[in-house]
Amino acid sequence: MRRVEFKLSLVYAVLLIVLAYAGTVNQGLLRRHADLAQRAYELADSIAELRTETASVRSPEAINSWAVGMGMIPTTEIENTSYISPTLAPAPTPEATGLEVRSLWR
């Protein structure tokens, strides 16, 4: 074997070892990615479940039942009203500016 062939075979062996190491690292990263993707799906499922649990506490029906349980009366059933303030609050007056914009939505 000549000297050049020996050097090339060493370079080939080193590159083969580097390639094997890169493949090992790549497989580890692939497994980690699969685990993280599975964890993301599990978290998405738990978010969906928690949203349904939260809806049972924060829905309008739940708030209404809590208010009735606390002795509050719906506004549609109130017969007598009284104003606490001696006078009505003043209506806000818009300040005059030099620019007026009108929008028309259809």
C-alpha atoms as a PDB file:
ATOM      1  CA  MET A   1       0.000   0.000   0.000  1.00  0.00           C
ATOM      2  CA  ARG A   2       1.314   3.356  -0.903  1.00  0.00           C
ATOM      3  CA  ARG A   3       1.460   6.312   1.398  1.00  0.00           C
ATOM      4  CA  VAL A   4      -1.346   8.204  -0.443  1.00  0.00           C
ATOM      5  CA  GLU A   5      -3.634   5.196  -0.275  1.00  0.00           C
ATOM      6  CA  PHE A   6      -2.989   4.874   3.450  1.00  0.00           C
ATOM      7  CA  LYS A   7      -3.827   8.558   4.058  1.00  0.00           C
ATOM      8  CA  LEU A   8      -6.972   8.301   1.985  1.00  0.00           C
ATOM      9  CA  SER A   9      -8.068   5.192   3.871  1.00  0.00           C
ATOM     10  CA  LEU A  10      -7.561   7.064   7.179  1.00  0.00           C
ATOM     11  CA  VAL A  11      -9.582  10.012   5.881  1.00  0.00           C
ATOM     12  CA  TYR A  12     -12.276   7.569   4.739  1.00  0.00           C
ATOM     13  CA  ALA A  13     -12.357   5.890   8.166  1.00  0.00           C
ATOM     14  CA  VAL A  14     -12.581   9.248   9.979  1.00  0.00           C
ATOM     15  CA  LEU A  15     -15.375  10.426   7.693  1.00  0.00           C
ATOM     16  CA  LEU A  16     -17.188   7.114   8.210  1.00  0.00           C
ATOM     17  CA  ILE A  17     -16.995   7.571  12.001  1.00  0.00           C
ATOM     18  CA  VAL A  18     -18.225  11.177  11.699  1.00  0.00           C
ATOM     19  CA  LEU A  19     -21.112  10.022   9.504  1.00  0.00           C
ATOM     20  CA  ALA A  20     -22.058   7.298  11.996  1.00  0.00           C
ATOM     21  CA  TYR A  21     -21.986   9.841  14.853  1.00  0.00           C
ATOM     22  CA  ALA A  22     -24.114  12.297  12.834  1.00  0.00           C
ATOM     23  CA  GLY A  23     -26.634   9.510  12.171  1.00  0.00           C
ATOM     24  CA  THR A  24     -26.796   8.701  15.879  1.00  0.00           C
ATOM     25  CA  VAL A  25     -27.363  12.354  16.773  1.00  0.00           C
ATOM     26  CA  ASN A  26     -29.990  12.630  14.039  1.00  0.00           C
ATOM     27  CA  GLN A  27     -31.885   9.600  15.375  1.00  0.00           C
ATOM     28  CA  GLY A  28     -31.834  11.110  18.872  1.00  0.00           C
ATOM     29  CA  LEU A  29     -33.213  14.376  17.545  1.00  0.00           C
ATOM     30  CA  LEU A  30     -35.880  12.489  15.607  1.00  0.00           C
ATOM     31  CA  ARG A  31     -36.997  10.665  18.765  1.00  0.00           C
ATOM     32  CA  ARG A  32     -37.025  13.958  20.706  1.00  0.00           C
ATOM     33  CA  HIS A  33     -39.106  15.608  17.987  1.00  0.00           C
ATOM     34  CA  ALA A  34     -41.601  12.738  18.046  1.00  0.00           C
ATOM     35  CA  ASP A  35     -41.867  12.997  21.849  1.00  0.00           C
ATOM     36  CA  LEU A  36     -42.404  16.762  21.680  1.00  0.00           C
ATOM     37  CA  ALA A  37     -45.034  16.400  18.951  1.00  0.00           C
ATOM     38  CA  GLN A  38     -46.864  13.818  21.073  1.00  0.00           C
ATOM     39  CA  ARG A  39     -46.667  16.179  24.069  1.00  0.00           C
ATOM     40  CA  ALA A  40     -48.104  18.998  21.930  1.00  0.00           C
ATOM     41  CA  TYR A  41     -51.079  16.810  20.985  1.00  0.00           C
ATOM     42  CA  GLU A  42     -51.627  15.881  24.639  1.00  0.00           C
ATOM     43  CA  LEU A  43     -51.506  19.541  25.672  1.00  0.00           C
ATOM     44  CA  ALA A  44     -53.977  20.489  22.936  1.00  0.00           C
ATOM     45  CA  ASP A  45     -56.351  17.795  24.203  1.00  0.00           C
ATOM     46  CA  SER A  46     -55.992  18.995  27.792  1.00  0.00           C
ATOM     47  CA  ILE A  47     -56.675  22.578  26.684  1.00  0.00           C
ATOM     48  CA  ALA A  48     -59.893  21.433  25.022  1.00  0.00           C
ATOM     49  CA  GLU A  49     -60.952  19.594  28.187  1.00  0.00           C
ATOM     50  CA  LEU A  50     -60.094  22.567  30.400  1.00  0.00           C
ATOM     51  CA  ARG A  51     -62.068  24.901  28.155  1.00  0.00           C
ATOM     52  CA  THR A  52     -65.177  22.760  28.599  1.00  0.00           C
ATOM     53  CA  GLU A  53     -64.654  22.768  32.375  1.00  0.00           C
ATOM     54  CA  THR A  54     -64.183  26.537  32.343  1.00  0.00           C
ATOM     55  CA  ALA A  55     -67.321  27.013  30.267  1.00  0.00           C
ATOM     56  CA  SER A  56     -69.334  25.302  32.988  1.00  0.00           C
ATOM     57  CA  VAL A  57     -68.117  27.938  35.462  1.00  0.00           C
ATOM     58  CA  ARG A  58     -67.957  31.059  33.291  1.00  0.00           C
ATOM     59  CA  SER A  59     -70.911  30.560  30.948  1.00  0.00           C
ATOM     60  CA  PRO A  60     -73.855  32.982  31.088  1.00  0.00           C
ATOM     61  CA  GLU A  61     -76.035  30.250  32.572  1.00  0.00           C
ATOM     62  CA  ALA A  62     -73.536  29.605  35.365  1.00  0.00           C
ATOM     63  CA  ILE A  63     -73.243  33.316  36.134  1.00  0.00           C
ATOM     64  CA  ASN A  64     -77.034  33.652  36.124  1.00  0.00           C
ATOM     65  CA  SER A  65     -77.483  30.731  38.512  1.00  0.00           C
ATOM     66  CA  TRP A  66     -74.801  32.174  40.797  1.00  0.00           C
ATOM     67  CA  ALA A  67     -76.505  35.601  40.767  1.00  0.00           C
ATOM     68  CA  VAL A  68     -79.922  34.104  41.556  1.00  0.00           C
ATOM     69  CA  GLY A  69     -78.311  32.043  44.315  1.00  0.00           C
ATOM     70  CA  MET A  70     -76.864  35.255  45.786  1.00  0.00           C
ATOM     71  CA  GLY A  71     -80.336  36.813  45.865  1.00  0.00           C
ATOM     72  CA  MET A  72     -80.042  39.053  42.823  1.00  0.00           C
ATOM     73  CA  ILE A  73     -83.130  39.764  40.766  1.00  0.00           C
ATOM     74  CA  PRO A  74     -83.048  39.855  36.958  1.00  0.00           C
ATOM     75  CA  THR A  75     -83.690  43.340  35.581  1.00  0.00           C
ATOM     76  CA  THR A  76     -86.705  42.161  33.633  1.00  0.00           C
ATOM     77  CA  GLU A  77     -88.477  41.310  36.904  1.00  0.00           C
ATOM     78  CA  ILE A  78     -87.758  44.553  38.804  1.00  0.00           C
ATOM     79  CA  GLU A  79     -90.889  46.560  39.569  1.00  0.00           C
ATOM     80  CA  ASN A  80     -89.620  49.538  41.529  1.00  0.00           C
ATOM     81  CA  THR A  81     -86.472  51.484  40.773  1.00  0.00           C
ATOM     82  CA  SER A  82     -84.882  54.346  42.641  1.00  0.00           C
ATOM     83  CA  TYR A  83     -82.095  56.678  41.627  1.00  0.00           C
ATOM     84  CA  ILE A  84     -79.365  57.065  44.181  1.00  0.00           C
ATOM     85  CA  SER A  85     -77.797  60.125  42.599  1.00  0.00           C
ATOM     86  CA  PRO A  86     -79.753  63.371  43.153  1.00  0.00           C
ATOM     87  CA  THR A  87     -79.180  64.417  39.556  1.00  0.00           C
ATOM     88  CA  LEU A  88     -78.440  62.575  36.372  1.00  0.00           C
ATOM     89  CA  ALA A  89     -74.867  62.410  35.210  1.00  0.00           C
ATOM     90  CA  PRO A  90     -74.033  65.066  32.619  1.00  0.00           C
ATOM     91  CA  ALA A  91     -73.872  63.866  29.059  1.00  0.00           C
ATOM     92  CA  PRO A  92     -70.351  63.991  27.642  1.00  0.00           C
ATOM     93  CA  THR A  93     -69.879  66.721  25.070  1.00  0.00           C
ATOM     94  CA  PRO A  94     -67.388  66.050  22.334  1.00  0.00           C
ATOM     95  CA  GLU A  95     -64.602  68.553  22.069  1.00  0.00           C
ATOM     96  CA  ALA A  96     -64.511  70.532  18.856  1.00  0.00           C
ATOM     97  CA  THR A  97     -61.659  69.597  16.609  1.00  0.00           C
ATOM     98  CA  GLY A  98     -60.832  70.816  13.170  1.00  0.00           C
ATOM     99  CA  LEU A  99     -61.452  67.412  11.635  1.00  0.00           C
ATOM    100  CA  GLU A 100     -64.718  65.595  11.099  1.00  0.00           C
ATOM    101  CA  VAL A 101     -64.946  62.052   9.760  1.00  0.00           C
ATOM    102  CA  ARG A 102     -68.157  60.252   8.847  1.00  0.00           C
ATOM    103  CA  SER A 103     -68.363  56.576   8.039  1.00  0.00           C
ATOM    104  CA  LEU A 104     -71.200  54.808   6.339  1.00  0.00           C
ATOM    105  CA  TRP A 105     -71.447  51.030   6.846  1.00  0.00           C
ATOM    106  CA  ARG A 106     -73.724  49.007   4.620  1.00  0.00           C
END
